[in-house]
Amino acid sequence: MHSLRQRINTRDESGFTLIELLVVLIIIGVLLAIAIPSYLGFQKKAQQTAAQSDVRTAIPDAEAYYSDYGDYAFSKLADGTAAGSTIAALQSYDQGLSSAVQTVAGNTAGTEYCISAQVSGNWAHVIGPTGAGTDTTNGVVNDKTATTDPCAGF
């Protein structure tokens, strides 16, 4: 009977104290405070790169249109019929053209074009074929601070 009474009076001391749990929560909070801004920065950079890639993908389609029609009016489809929109004109050359491409515009003389794309609020554009207004690293301007279409009114 003595050993039974001794087992009842003995407390099980395994487990974590409140202080230990609080320290673990503080450590997790600090790690999250470091990781979340870093993740958001990587996400924004990926969206900017995606917009640039979408613009770069559309450039050969614009050049194919020029080789067929001798201008950048984007008023005809690849088969010669009238295009409903300038984007439709490029899509007739590349049906896989990204839906992120927002604007395809030619100037009034038909000698230049502007192509812009937006991915999650991040804009990129190119003015071609001369490359005016492009950066020197990859030919496509990454409009990090743009809030509206950089090709609007081209």
Protein backbone atom coordinates (compact mmCIF):
# COMPACT_ATOMS: atom_id res chain seq x y z
CA MET A 1 0.00 0.00 0.00
CA HIS A 2 2.89 2.33 0.65
CA SER A 3 4.09 2.21 -3.00
CA LEU A 4 0.58 3.08 -4.28
CA ARG A 5 0.40 6.14 -2.00
CA GLN A 6 3.86 7.21 -3.16
CA ARG A 7 2.80 7.04 -6.83
CA ILE A 8 -0.30 9.17 -6.22
CA ASN A 9 1.66 11.88 -4.40
CA THR A 10 4.40 12.03 -7.01
CA ARG A 11 3.62 14.55 -9.75
CA ASP A 12 4.51 13.98 -13.34
CA GLU A 13 6.91 16.86 -14.13
CA SER A 14 7.23 16.23 -17.89
CA GLY A 15 6.08 18.90 -20.37
CA PHE A 16 6.92 22.55 -21.08
CA THR A 17 6.64 25.51 -18.77
CA LEU A 18 4.77 28.64 -19.79
CA ILE A 19 8.05 30.54 -20.14
CA GLU A 20 9.46 27.94 -22.52
CA LEU A 21 6.34 28.13 -24.69
CA LEU A 22 6.49 31.93 -24.77
CA VAL A 23 10.15 31.86 -25.81
CA VAL A 24 9.32 29.49 -28.69
CA LEU A 25 6.46 31.76 -29.82
CA ILE A 26 8.72 34.82 -29.72
CA ILE A 27 11.36 33.02 -31.82
CA ILE A 28 8.72 32.00 -34.38
CA GLY A 29 7.43 35.58 -34.50
CA VAL A 30 10.90 36.98 -35.16
CA LEU A 31 11.51 34.46 -37.93
CA LEU A 32 8.17 35.35 -39.57
CA ALA A 33 8.93 39.05 -39.31
CA ILE A 34 12.10 38.42 -41.31
CA ALA A 35 10.69 35.90 -43.80
CA ILE A 36 7.44 37.58 -44.90
CA PRO A 37 8.93 40.83 -46.29
CA SER A 38 11.62 38.81 -48.05
CA TYR A 39 8.98 36.55 -49.62
CA LEU A 40 6.92 39.53 -50.77
CA GLY A 41 10.02 41.04 -52.39
CA PHE A 42 10.69 37.82 -54.28
CA GLN A 43 7.06 37.68 -55.36
CA LYS A 44 7.11 41.25 -56.71
CA LYS A 45 10.35 40.60 -58.60
CA ALA A 46 8.82 37.47 -60.15
CA GLN A 47 5.76 39.45 -61.29
CA GLN A 48 7.96 42.16 -62.83
CA THR A 49 10.00 39.51 -64.65
CA ALA A 50 6.82 37.84 -65.91
CA ALA A 51 5.56 41.14 -67.35
CA GLN A 52 8.91 41.69 -69.10
CA SER A 53 8.82 38.17 -70.50
CA ASP A 54 5.30 38.65 -71.86
CA VAL A 55 6.40 41.82 -73.68
CA ARG A 56 9.52 40.11 -75.08
CA THR A 57 7.37 37.24 -76.35
CA ALA A 58 5.14 39.63 -78.33
CA ILE A 59 8.01 41.39 -80.14
CA PRO A 60 8.58 38.66 -82.79
CA ASP A 61 4.83 38.74 -83.53
CA ALA A 62 5.01 42.49 -84.16
CA GLU A 63 7.99 41.97 -86.46
CA ALA A 64 6.13 39.19 -88.32
CA TYR A 65 3.21 41.57 -88.81
CA TYR A 66 5.61 44.20 -90.20
CA SER A 67 7.17 41.72 -92.62
CA ASP A 68 3.69 40.88 -93.95
CA TYR A 69 2.21 44.40 -94.17
CA GLY A 70 5.14 46.84 -94.08
CA ASP A 71 3.81 48.87 -91.13
CA TYR A 72 2.91 48.58 -87.46
CA ALA A 73 -0.76 49.52 -87.80
CA PHE A 74 -1.94 46.14 -86.45
CA SER A 75 -5.21 46.51 -88.36
CA LYS A 76 -5.19 43.11 -90.11
CA LEU A 77 -5.03 39.50 -89.06
CA ALA A 78 -2.37 37.15 -90.38
CA ASP A 79 -4.79 35.99 -93.11
CA GLY A 80 -5.35 39.58 -94.33
CA THR A 81 -8.84 40.13 -92.90
CA ALA A 82 -9.60 43.13 -90.73
CA ALA A 83 -8.62 42.76 -87.09
CA GLY A 84 -11.11 43.67 -84.38
CA SER A 85 -8.28 44.94 -82.19
CA THR A 86 -4.54 45.38 -82.30
CA ILE A 87 -4.12 42.55 -79.80
CA ALA A 88 -6.21 40.29 -82.05
CA ALA A 89 -3.81 41.10 -84.89
CA LEU A 90 -0.86 39.81 -82.83
CA GLN A 91 -2.84 36.83 -81.54
CA SER A 92 -3.38 35.75 -85.14
CA TYR A 93 0.40 35.33 -85.34
CA ASP A 94 0.76 33.74 -81.91
CA GLN A 95 -2.33 32.19 -80.34
CA GLY A 96 -0.35 31.59 -77.16
CA LEU A 97 0.16 35.31 -76.65
CA SER A 98 -0.19 36.03 -72.95
CA SER A 99 -3.38 37.62 -71.71
CA ALA A 100 -1.13 39.90 -69.64
CA VAL A 101 -0.34 41.86 -72.82
CA GLN A 102 -2.53 44.93 -72.36
CA THR A 103 -1.67 47.26 -75.21
CA VAL A 104 -0.36 46.84 -78.72
CA ALA A 105 -0.24 50.15 -80.55
CA GLY A 106 1.39 51.56 -83.63
CA ASN A 107 2.19 55.22 -84.15
CA THR A 108 0.30 57.20 -86.80
CA ALA A 109 3.10 56.80 -89.35
CA GLY A 110 3.19 53.03 -88.78
CA THR A 111 6.92 53.12 -88.15
CA GLU A 112 6.98 52.28 -84.43
CA TYR A 113 5.01 50.20 -81.97
CA CYS A 114 4.47 50.07 -78.24
CA ILE A 115 3.69 46.82 -76.44
CA SER A 116 2.85 46.74 -72.73
CA ALA A 117 1.98 43.99 -70.27
CA GLN A 118 0.73 43.97 -66.69
CA VAL A 119 1.14 41.15 -64.18
CA SER A 120 -0.45 41.80 -60.77
CA GLY A 121 -0.05 45.56 -61.08
CA ASN A 122 3.54 45.41 -62.40
CA TRP A 123 3.95 47.01 -65.84
CA ALA A 124 6.58 46.45 -68.52
CA HIS A 125 6.73 47.90 -72.02
CA VAL A 126 8.86 48.27 -75.12
CA ILE A 127 8.85 50.79 -77.93
CA GLY A 128 10.15 49.30 -81.14
CA PRO A 129 11.72 48.60 -83.48
CA THR A 130 14.22 51.35 -82.63
CA GLY A 131 14.21 50.51 -78.95
CA ALA A 132 13.52 54.09 -77.91
CA GLY A 133 12.62 54.26 -74.26
CA THR A 134 14.07 50.87 -73.44
CA ASP A 135 16.69 50.04 -70.89
CA THR A 136 20.10 48.75 -71.87
CA THR A 137 20.02 45.45 -70.01
CA ASN A 138 17.28 43.54 -71.77
CA GLY A 139 15.44 45.89 -74.12
CA VAL A 140 12.22 45.96 -72.10
CA VAL A 141 11.46 48.70 -69.58
CA ASN A 142 10.33 47.40 -66.22
CA ASP A 143 7.98 50.15 -65.05
CA LYS A 144 8.36 49.60 -61.31
CA THR A 145 6.47 52.74 -60.36
CA ALA A 146 3.87 52.85 -63.17
CA THR A 147 0.25 52.76 -62.08
CA THR A 148 -1.24 53.13 -65.56
CA ASP A 149 -0.49 51.69 -68.98
CA PRO A 150 2.80 53.19 -70.24
CA CYS A 151 1.66 52.73 -73.86
CA ALA A 152 -1.62 54.62 -73.39
CA GLY A 153 -1.76 57.47 -75.85
CA PHE A 154 1.14 56.16 -77.95
